[in-house]
Structure formats: C-alpha cells, structure tokens
Amino acid sequence: MSRIIVDIETSGFDFEYLDRATQDYLLRFADSEAEMQKVKESLSFYPLTGEIVAIGMLNPDSDKGVVYYQDREHFHAFEDEGITYESGTEQDIIKKFWEVVSKYKQIVTFNGRAFDAPFIAIRSAVHRVKPSRNLIPNRYSDEHIDLLDRLTFYGITRKFALDIWCRTFGIKSPKSEELNGYLVPEMFKSGRYEEIARYCVLDLRATKELFMLWQQYIQIN
C-alpha cells in the first residue's frame, strides 16, 4: 500500500491584530495576567487563531519527501538529503499538499486526527481550497494511521508527547530546548523560515521510526 507520513508546523496570529470581538471571546475566562498570557501563547493550536507555516510529507518506503513552507520574504526551492523544500504563501503550500497527498492510499501521523488533519481542513476552507481526500476517515480505518491513537490503544491508556515515545523506544527525538513546536511561532516571527522547514523534517523522520516500530512489534493484523 502506498503511504505517506504527514506533519505540520503552525504559528498563532499576533493577538493585537485580532478583531476586538475575537480578543474578548478568547479572554472571557482569563482572570489574571498569567492566564491572559497563556491564552496568547496558545493561538497556534487552533486554525481560527493561527496558520500553517510548514507542511511536510515523507514516504517511509523510499525515505524521500517534501516540505512546503511559508517564507514571507523570498521564494525558495531546493533539495537536501532526499527532501525537496519549496516556499510559498499559506494558500500555496496547502494547494500543493492536496496535490501530493491524493496520490497515496494511507497517511501516517502522530496526533493527526486531533490536530493536523482538522487544522489543514479548516485552513483550506479559509483559503477556499477544495480537499482532494478525507483526512479523517473512520477511526479504525487504515486510511489514516494516527500513531498516538494506536499507541494508546484508541485512548484507553495515557497520552504522551512524541518526544517521550521517542525516548522510550531509543529513537532520536526531534525535540530539544532550542528546537520544539512551542518555539515555532517565535521562529516564524523572526523570519527563521527554513529552520522551521528543517525542524518539520525531524518530526517526520521520528514519526517514521515510531511507525516502523509500531508496525513490527505492536500492530496485530
């Protein structure tokens, strides 16, 4: 079966640029400065208050892939270690994602059913981009293997972050104090676009290793 690993990186909008009604709605339960700051730092988690800054795809069988990423200053297209990198607007990278992902029968993610897939769907609608396939089929379908779902046996055990799963199984973690998903918004605001794209590749490769381990030692056909 043809399959592709998918991962996205996101960044929240500047809170000050959101309209007043949205600001008031987001802060309705924030009763302190600390709670207000927490709300502002969580904007990248939601497609109504954030955007996709990188979409990565990796073929686990060929180990080749592509990362489409936002670069608000220049257009770039290059290849490095089997990965093609190409920049564009959010609408551009979403359109290219749908073109590529439609060619594969199975997608593999980590927490993709709860995060990546809905985020992509909503941001696609914002830009009036028509999806080429359903990213959230029946939960038990093999069209979408969400490793977080499968490793927790569909939610009956505690959920842990990708970093913890990697450390447990001896897989090189893509996370560090200097580079992790929580830092992506600040990296994006600082214009570190290519760094974000390369970080996305680290997530893809870690997800691939975790997928292979799950498939060999945990999956029961």
Foldseek 3Di string as FASTA:
>chain_A
DFEKEKDWAKAFDQLVPDDPVVNCVLCVPPDDPVSSVVSRLCRRQDLVGMATAKMKMAGLVVRAIEMEGEFPPDWDWDDDPRYIYTYDDRQVRLQVVQVVVLVGQAYEYACCLPGVQVSSVVVCVVVVHDHNDRQHDPPPDRNYHHPQCVVCVNPPHDGDDLQVVCVVVVHDQLDDPVDDSSCVNVCVVVRVSVVVRVSRVRNRVSSSVSVVCCVPPPDDD
